[in-house]
PDB file of N, CA and C in Angstrom:
ATOM      1  N   MET A   1      -8.435 -29.413 -70.930  1.00  0.00           N
ATOM      2  CA  MET A   1      -7.155 -29.834 -70.408  1.00  0.00           C
ATOM      3  C   MET A   1      -7.359 -30.584 -69.098  1.00  0.00           C
ATOM      4  N   THR A   2      -6.671 -31.627 -68.901  1.00  0.00           N
ATOM      5  CA  THR A   2      -6.729 -32.400 -67.638  1.00  0.00           C
ATOM      6  C   THR A   2      -5.710 -31.871 -66.646  1.00  0.00           C
ATOM      7  N   ASP A   3      -6.162 -31.526 -65.441  1.00  0.00           N
ATOM      8  CA  ASP A   3      -5.288 -31.078 -64.382  1.00  0.00           C
ATOM      9  C   ASP A   3      -4.561 -32.306 -63.782  1.00  0.00           C
ATOM     10  N   ILE A   4      -3.225 -32.270 -63.792  1.00  0.00           N
ATOM     11  CA  ILE A   4      -2.440 -33.375 -63.302  1.00  0.00           C
ATOM     12  C   ILE A   4      -2.055 -33.110 -61.842  1.00  0.00           C
ATOM     13  N   ALA A   5      -2.455 -34.027 -60.962  1.00  0.00           N
ATOM     14  CA  ALA A   5      -2.204 -33.847 -59.511  1.00  0.00           C
ATOM     15  C   ALA A   5      -0.698 -34.158 -59.207  1.00  0.00           C
ATOM     16  N   GLU A   6      -0.192 -35.188 -59.810  1.00  0.00           N
ATOM     17  CA  GLU A   6       1.216 -35.593 -59.536  1.00  0.00           C
ATOM     18  C   GLU A   6       1.787 -36.260 -60.765  1.00  0.00           C
ATOM     19  N   THR A   7       3.155 -36.255 -60.853  1.00  0.00           N
ATOM     20  CA  THR A   7       3.839 -36.988 -61.922  1.00  0.00           C
ATOM     21  C   THR A   7       4.744 -37.975 -61.243  1.00  0.00           C
ATOM     22  N   LEU A   8       4.699 -39.190 -61.779  1.00  0.00           N
ATOM     23  CA  LEU A   8       5.536 -40.293 -61.305  1.00  0.00           C
ATOM     24  C   LEU A   8       6.562 -40.583 -62.382  1.00  0.00           C
ATOM     25  N   ASP A   9       7.844 -40.429 -62.034  1.00  0.00           N
ATOM     26  CA  ASP A   9       8.943 -40.727 -62.955  1.00  0.00           C
ATOM     27  C   ASP A   9       9.393 -42.178 -62.791  1.00  0.00           C
ATOM     28  N   ALA A  10       8.938 -43.047 -63.673  1.00  0.00           N
ATOM     29  CA  ALA A  10       9.281 -44.459 -63.659  1.00  0.00           C
ATOM     30  C   ALA A  10      10.251 -44.811 -64.781  1.00  0.00           C
ATOM     31  N   LEU A  11      10.960 -43.808 -65.270  1.00  0.00           N
ATOM     32  CA  LEU A  11      11.903 -44.067 -66.347  1.00  0.00           C
ATOM     33  C   LEU A  11      13.063 -44.932 -65.893  1.00  0.00           C
ATOM     34  N   GLY A  12      13.421 -45.899 -66.694  1.00  0.00           N
ATOM     35  CA  GLY A  12      14.509 -46.809 -66.353  1.00  0.00           C
ATOM     36  C   GLY A  12      14.045 -48.027 -65.493  1.00  0.00           C
ATOM     37  N   LEU A  13      12.766 -48.015 -65.076  1.00  0.00           N
ATOM     38  CA  LEU A  13      12.252 -49.149 -64.311  1.00  0.00           C
ATOM     39  C   LEU A  13      11.582 -50.188 -65.235  1.00  0.00           C
ATOM     40  N   LEU A  14      11.775 -51.461 -64.904  1.00  0.00           N
ATOM     41  CA  LEU A  14      11.203 -52.502 -65.727  1.00  0.00           C
ATOM     42  C   LEU A  14      10.011 -53.110 -65.011  1.00  0.00           C
ATOM     43  N   CYS A  15       9.173 -53.806 -65.778  1.00  0.00           N
ATOM     44  CA  CYS A  15       7.967 -54.502 -65.308  1.00  0.00           C
ATOM     45  C   CYS A  15       8.363 -55.374 -64.099  1.00  0.00           C
ATOM     46  N   PRO A  16       7.586 -55.303 -63.052  1.00  0.00           N
ATOM     47  CA  PRO A  16       6.348 -54.667 -62.844  1.00  0.00           C
ATOM     48  C   PRO A  16       6.420 -53.311 -62.108  1.00  0.00           C
ATOM     49  N   LEU A  17       7.615 -52.766 -61.975  1.00  0.00           N
ATOM     50  CA  LEU A  17       7.799 -51.588 -61.125  1.00  0.00           C
ATOM     51  C   LEU A  17       7.022 -50.366 -61.498  1.00  0.00           C
ATOM     52  N   PRO A  18       6.887 -49.989 -62.785  1.00  0.00           N
ATOM     53  CA  PRO A  18       6.065 -48.840 -63.106  1.00  0.00           C
ATOM     54  C   PRO A  18       4.622 -48.986 -62.546  1.00  0.00           C
ATOM     55  N   VAL A  19       4.007 -50.127 -62.706  1.00  0.00           N
ATOM     56  CA  VAL A  19       2.646 -50.335 -62.207  1.00  0.00           C
ATOM     57  C   VAL A  19       2.599 -50.376 -60.678  1.00  0.00           C
ATOM     58  N   LEU A  20       3.552 -50.991 -60.058  1.00  0.00           N
ATOM     59  CA  LEU A  20       3.580 -51.054 -58.628  1.00  0.00           C
ATOM     60  C   LEU A  20       3.757 -49.675 -57.995  1.00  0.00           C
ATOM     61  N   LYS A  21       4.614 -48.866 -58.569  1.00  0.00           N
ATOM     62  CA  LYS A  21       4.834 -47.487 -58.052  1.00  0.00           C
ATOM     63  C   LYS A  21       3.580 -46.625 -58.321  1.00  0.00           C
ATOM     64  N   ALA A  22       2.964 -46.827 -59.525  1.00  0.00           N
ATOM     65  CA  ALA A  22       1.695 -46.089 -59.802  1.00  0.00           C
ATOM     66  C   ALA A  22       0.620 -46.459 -58.797  1.00  0.00           C
ATOM     67  N   ARG A  23       0.494 -47.739 -58.494  1.00  0.00           N
ATOM     68  CA  ARG A  23      -0.540 -48.192 -57.529  1.00  0.00           C
ATOM     69  C   ARG A  23      -0.315 -47.493 -56.170  1.00  0.00           C
ATOM     70  N   LYS A  24       0.947 -47.467 -55.712  1.00  0.00           N
ATOM     71  CA  LYS A  24       1.273 -46.853 -54.441  1.00  0.00           C
ATOM     72  C   LYS A  24       0.946 -45.350 -54.436  1.00  0.00           C
ATOM     73  N   ARG A  25       1.361 -44.669 -55.528  1.00  0.00           N
ATOM     74  CA  ARG A  25       1.175 -43.242 -55.614  1.00  0.00           C
ATOM     75  C   ARG A  25      -0.349 -42.917 -55.656  1.00  0.00           C
ATOM     76  N   LEU A  26      -1.134 -43.721 -56.376  1.00  0.00           N
ATOM     77  CA  LEU A  26      -2.549 -43.477 -56.509  1.00  0.00           C
ATOM     78  C   LEU A  26      -3.264 -43.593 -55.186  1.00  0.00           C
ATOM     79  N   LYS A  27      -2.790 -44.490 -54.334  1.00  0.00           N
ATOM     80  CA  LYS A  27      -3.454 -44.707 -53.010  1.00  0.00           C
ATOM     81  C   LYS A  27      -3.471 -43.379 -52.211  1.00  0.00           C
ATOM     82  N   ALA A  28      -2.441 -42.569 -52.361  1.00  0.00           N
ATOM     83  CA  ALA A  28      -2.342 -41.333 -51.620  1.00  0.00           C
ATOM     84  C   ALA A  28      -3.161 -40.202 -52.213  1.00  0.00           C
ATOM     85  N   LEU A  29      -3.660 -40.338 -53.423  1.00  0.00           N
ATOM     86  CA  LEU A  29      -4.383 -39.257 -54.068  1.00  0.00           C
ATOM     87  C   LEU A  29      -5.879 -39.438 -53.875  1.00  0.00           C
ATOM     88  N   PRO A  30      -6.599 -38.317 -53.907  1.00  0.00           N
ATOM     89  CA  PRO A  30      -8.092 -38.377 -53.750  1.00  0.00           C
ATOM     90  C   PRO A  30      -8.707 -38.963 -55.045  1.00  0.00           C
ATOM     91  N   ASP A  31      -9.906 -39.508 -54.893  1.00  0.00           N
ATOM     92  CA  ASP A  31     -10.660 -39.986 -56.033  1.00  0.00           C
ATOM     93  C   ASP A  31     -10.804 -38.891 -57.084  1.00  0.00           C
ATOM     94  N   GLY A  32     -10.611 -39.243 -58.337  1.00  0.00           N
ATOM     95  CA  GLY A  32     -10.749 -38.276 -59.398  1.00  0.00           C
ATOM     96  C   GLY A  32      -9.477 -37.538 -59.778  1.00  0.00           C
ATOM     97  N   ALA A  33      -8.419 -37.691 -58.964  1.00  0.00           N
ATOM     98  CA  ALA A  33      -7.133 -37.031 -59.225  1.00  0.00           C
ATOM     99  C   ALA A  33      -6.453 -37.761 -60.408  1.00  0.00           C
ATOM    100  N   VAL A  34      -5.649 -36.988 -61.163  1.00  0.00           N
ATOM    101  CA  VAL A  34      -4.956 -37.551 -62.348  1.00  0.00           C
ATOM    102  C   VAL A  34      -3.489 -37.683 -62.024  1.00  0.00           C
ATOM    103  N   LEU A  35      -2.960 -38.858 -62.263  1.00  0.00           N
ATOM    104  CA  LEU A  35      -1.528 -39.165 -62.112  1.00  0.00           C
ATOM    105  C   LEU A  35      -0.912 -39.299 -63.516  1.00  0.00           C
ATOM    106  N   LYS A  36       0.161 -38.641 -63.721  1.00  0.00           N
ATOM    107  CA  LYS A  36       0.935 -38.768 -64.965  1.00  0.00           C
ATOM    108  C   LYS A  36       2.110 -39.675 -64.666  1.00  0.00           C
ATOM    109  N   VAL A  37       2.240 -40.727 -65.463  1.00  0.00           N
ATOM    110  CA  VAL A  37       3.317 -41.720 -65.260  1.00  0.00           C
ATOM    111  C   VAL A  37       4.293 -41.633 -66.483  1.00  0.00           C
ATOM    112  N   LEU A  38       5.528 -41.408 -66.219  1.00  0.00           N
ATOM    113  CA  LEU A  38       6.555 -41.396 -67.275  1.00  0.00           C
ATOM    114  C   LEU A  38       7.233 -42.760 -67.236  1.00  0.00           C
ATOM    115  N   ALA A  39       7.219 -43.479 -68.386  1.00  0.00           N
ATOM    116  CA  ALA A  39       7.856 -44.825 -68.423  1.00  0.00           C
ATOM    117  C   ALA A  39       8.485 -45.067 -69.782  1.00  0.00           C
ATOM    118  N   ASP A  40       9.523 -45.877 -69.740  1.00  0.00           N
ATOM    119  CA  ASP A  40      10.123 -46.289 -70.991  1.00  0.00           C
ATOM    120  C   ASP A  40      10.250 -47.832 -71.120  1.00  0.00           C
ATOM    121  N   ASP A  41       9.605 -48.549 -70.168  1.00  0.00           N
ATOM    122  CA  ASP A  41       9.516 -50.017 -70.237  1.00  0.00           C
ATOM    123  C   ASP A  41       8.560 -50.404 -71.356  1.00  0.00           C
ATOM    124  N   PRO A  42       9.017 -51.206 -72.319  1.00  0.00           N
ATOM    125  CA  PRO A  42       8.093 -51.607 -73.421  1.00  0.00           C
ATOM    126  C   PRO A  42       6.824 -52.296 -72.944  1.00  0.00           C
ATOM    127  N   ALA A  43       6.904 -52.994 -71.834  1.00  0.00           N
ATOM    128  CA  ALA A  43       5.729 -53.687 -71.316  1.00  0.00           C
ATOM    129  C   ALA A  43       4.682 -52.777 -70.714  1.00  0.00           C
ATOM    130  N   ALA A  44       5.055 -51.547 -70.368  1.00  0.00           N
ATOM    131  CA  ALA A  44       4.133 -50.618 -69.758  1.00  0.00           C
ATOM    132  C   ALA A  44       2.938 -50.264 -70.667  1.00  0.00           C
ATOM    133  N   ILE A  45       3.171 -50.360 -72.009  1.00  0.00           N
ATOM    134  CA  ILE A  45       2.114 -50.102 -72.958  1.00  0.00           C
ATOM    135  C   ILE A  45       0.931 -51.027 -72.768  1.00  0.00           C
ATOM    136  N   VAL A  46       1.189 -52.246 -72.318  1.00  0.00           N
ATOM    137  CA  VAL A  46       0.141 -53.199 -72.036  1.00  0.00           C
ATOM    138  C   VAL A  46      -0.223 -53.198 -70.550  1.00  0.00           C
ATOM    139  N   ASP A  47       0.791 -53.096 -69.669  1.00  0.00           N
ATOM    140  CA  ASP A  47       0.572 -53.226 -68.254  1.00  0.00           C
ATOM    141  C   ASP A  47      -0.202 -52.118 -67.627  1.00  0.00           C
ATOM    142  N   ILE A  48       0.054 -50.884 -68.016  1.00  0.00           N
ATOM    143  CA  ILE A  48      -0.625 -49.777 -67.353  1.00  0.00           C
ATOM    144  C   ILE A  48      -2.122 -49.726 -67.680  1.00  0.00           C
ATOM    145  N   PRO A  49      -2.499 -49.837 -68.951  1.00  0.00           N
ATOM    146  CA  PRO A  49      -3.965 -49.896 -69.215  1.00  0.00           C
ATOM    147  C   PRO A  49      -4.665 -51.138 -68.561  1.00  0.00           C
ATOM    148  N   HIS A  50      -3.966 -52.238 -68.525  1.00  0.00           N
ATOM    149  CA  HIS A  50      -4.521 -53.424 -67.892  1.00  0.00           C
ATOM    150  C   HIS A  50      -4.703 -53.189 -66.382  1.00  0.00           C
ATOM    151  N   PHE A  51      -3.743 -52.615 -65.731  1.00  0.00           N
ATOM    152  CA  PHE A  51      -3.798 -52.270 -64.355  1.00  0.00           C
ATOM    153  C   PHE A  51      -5.006 -51.327 -64.079  1.00  0.00           C
ATOM    154  N   CYS A  52      -5.163 -50.313 -64.959  1.00  0.00           N
ATOM    155  CA  CYS A  52      -6.286 -49.370 -64.749  1.00  0.00           C
ATOM    156  C   CYS A  52      -7.629 -50.124 -64.831  1.00  0.00           C
ATOM    157  N   ASN A  53      -7.764 -50.975 -65.785  1.00  0.00           N
ATOM    158  CA  ASN A  53      -8.982 -51.759 -65.978  1.00  0.00           C
ATOM    159  C   ASN A  53      -9.264 -52.653 -64.770  1.00  0.00           C
ATOM    160  N   GLU A  54      -8.253 -53.343 -64.281  1.00  0.00           N
ATOM    161  CA  GLU A  54      -8.409 -54.246 -63.174  1.00  0.00           C
ATOM    162  C   GLU A  54      -8.717 -53.485 -61.848  1.00  0.00           C
ATOM    163  N   ALA A  55      -8.123 -52.297 -61.697  1.00  0.00           N
ATOM    164  CA  ALA A  55      -8.235 -51.569 -60.409  1.00  0.00           C
ATOM    165  C   ALA A  55      -9.349 -50.482 -60.492  1.00  0.00           C
ATOM    166  N   SER A  56     -10.111 -50.448 -61.597  1.00  0.00           N
ATOM    167  CA  SER A  56     -11.199 -49.483 -61.756  1.00  0.00           C
ATOM    168  C   SER A  56     -10.704 -48.040 -61.777  1.00  0.00           C
ATOM    169  N   HIS A  57      -9.536 -47.828 -62.352  1.00  0.00           N
ATOM    170  CA  HIS A  57      -9.065 -46.449 -62.536  1.00  0.00           C
ATOM    171  C   HIS A  57      -9.328 -46.089 -64.007  1.00  0.00           C
ATOM    172  N   GLY A  58      -9.435 -44.805 -64.355  1.00  0.00           N
ATOM    173  CA  GLY A  58      -9.633 -44.408 -65.672  1.00  0.00           C
ATOM    174  C   GLY A  58      -8.305 -44.236 -66.407  1.00  0.00           C
ATOM    175  N   PHE A  59      -8.168 -44.955 -67.553  1.00  0.00           N
ATOM    176  CA  PHE A  59      -6.974 -44.770 -68.371  1.00  0.00           C
ATOM    177  C   PHE A  59      -7.309 -43.643 -69.379  1.00  0.00           C
ATOM    178  N   LEU A  60      -6.678 -42.494 -69.254  1.00  0.00           N
ATOM    179  CA  LEU A  60      -6.968 -41.370 -70.074  1.00  0.00           C
ATOM    180  C   LEU A  60      -6.146 -41.305 -71.377  1.00  0.00           C
ATOM    181  N   GLY A  61      -5.187 -42.200 -71.495  1.00  0.00           N
ATOM    182  CA  GLY A  61      -4.377 -42.266 -72.712  1.00  0.00           C
ATOM    183  C   GLY A  61      -2.900 -42.176 -72.506  1.00  0.00           C
ATOM    184  N   LEU A  62      -2.186 -42.278 -73.623  1.00  0.00           N
ATOM    185  CA  LEU A  62      -0.746 -42.171 -73.534  1.00  0.00           C
ATOM    186  C   LEU A  62      -0.271 -41.358 -74.693  1.00  0.00           C
ATOM    187  N   SER A  63       0.916 -40.763 -74.508  1.00  0.00           N
ATOM    188  CA  SER A  63       1.548 -39.991 -75.574  1.00  0.00           C
ATOM    189  C   SER A  63       3.079 -40.298 -75.541  1.00  0.00           C
ATOM    190  N   GLU A  64       3.700 -40.099 -76.672  1.00  0.00           N
ATOM    191  CA  GLU A  64       5.103 -40.306 -76.811  1.00  0.00           C
ATOM    192  C   GLU A  64       5.797 -38.954 -76.513  1.00  0.00           C
ATOM    193  N   GLU A  65       6.815 -38.987 -75.662  1.00  0.00           N
ATOM    194  CA  GLU A  65       7.527 -37.758 -75.305  1.00  0.00           C
ATOM    195  C   GLU A  65       9.013 -38.055 -75.287  1.00  0.00           C
ATOM    196  N   GLY A  66       9.744 -37.712 -76.365  1.00  0.00           N
ATOM    197  CA  GLY A  66      11.208 -37.817 -76.369  1.00  0.00           C
ATOM    198  C   GLY A  66      11.827 -39.124 -75.933  1.00  0.00           C
ATOM    199  N   GLY A  67      11.321 -40.260 -76.539  1.00  0.00           N
ATOM    200  CA  GLY A  67      11.946 -41.548 -76.196  1.00  0.00           C
ATOM    201  C   GLY A  67      11.248 -42.289 -75.105  1.00  0.00           C
ATOM    202  N   HIS A  68      10.226 -41.721 -74.495  1.00  0.00           N
ATOM    203  CA  HIS A  68       9.447 -42.481 -73.469  1.00  0.00           C
ATOM    204  C   HIS A  68       7.994 -42.181 -73.630  1.00  0.00           C
ATOM    205  N   GLN A  69       7.185 -42.861 -72.871  1.00  0.00           N
ATOM    206  CA  GLN A  69       5.733 -42.651 -72.909  1.00  0.00           C
ATOM    207  C   GLN A  69       5.287 -41.917 -71.665  1.00  0.00           C
ATOM    208  N   SER A  70       4.195 -41.222 -71.852  1.00  0.00           N
ATOM    209  CA  SER A  70       3.535 -40.493 -70.776  1.00  0.00           C
ATOM    210  C   SER A  70       2.103 -41.013 -70.710  1.00  0.00           C
ATOM    211  N   TYR A  71       1.699 -41.626 -69.520  1.00  0.00           N
ATOM    212  CA  TYR A  71       0.422 -42.181 -69.342  1.00  0.00           C
ATOM    213  C   TYR A  71      -0.391 -41.306 -68.340  1.00  0.00           C
ATOM    214  N   LEU A  72      -1.665 -41.139 -68.590  1.00  0.00           N
ATOM    215  CA  LEU A  72      -2.508 -40.384 -67.692  1.00  0.00           C
ATOM    216  C   LEU A  72      -3.527 -41.314 -67.067  1.00  0.00           C
ATOM    217  N   ILE A  73      -3.596 -41.375 -65.782  1.00  0.00           N
ATOM    218  CA  ILE A  73      -4.545 -42.250 -65.034  1.00  0.00           C
ATOM    219  C   ILE A  73      -5.401 -41.399 -64.089  1.00  0.00           C
ATOM    220  N   ARG A  74      -6.716 -41.575 -64.173  1.00  0.00           N
ATOM    221  CA  ARG A  74      -7.607 -40.877 -63.233  1.00  0.00           C
ATOM    222  C   ARG A  74      -8.021 -41.906 -62.171  1.00  0.00           C
ATOM    223  N   LYS A  75      -7.729 -41.537 -60.911  1.00  0.00           N
ATOM    224  CA  LYS A  75      -8.056 -42.478 -59.811  1.00  0.00           C
ATOM    225  C   LYS A  75      -9.530 -42.706 -59.710  1.00  0.00           C
ATOM    226  N   GLY A  76      -9.924 -43.980 -59.685  1.00  0.00           N
ATOM    227  CA  GLY A  76     -11.274 -44.408 -59.535  1.00  0.00           C
ATOM    228  C   GLY A  76     -11.685 -44.463 -58.076  1.00  0.00           C
ATOM    229  N   GLY A  77     -12.974 -44.570 -57.817  1.00  0.00           N
ATOM    230  CA  GLY A  77     -13.447 -44.590 -56.448  1.00  0.00           C
ATOM    231  C   GLY A  77     -13.751 -45.977 -55.978  1.00  0.00           C
TER     232      GLY A  77
END
């Protein structure tokens, strides 16, 4: 099981806000910490993995949770 350091509620926010808020929240976390992002923006399915790849963060996956998605991101160094 992955220990989640923080959860970011980005429900109701549209592109690019879920990614921008995730970037800001990750800056405050130590390397290796896991951020859980809750989002319902259809573009987040593409945007969040792309952001992780570009910023050298680990994309640990996504799951569906009651009408929204839950993304797990491990902060890279």
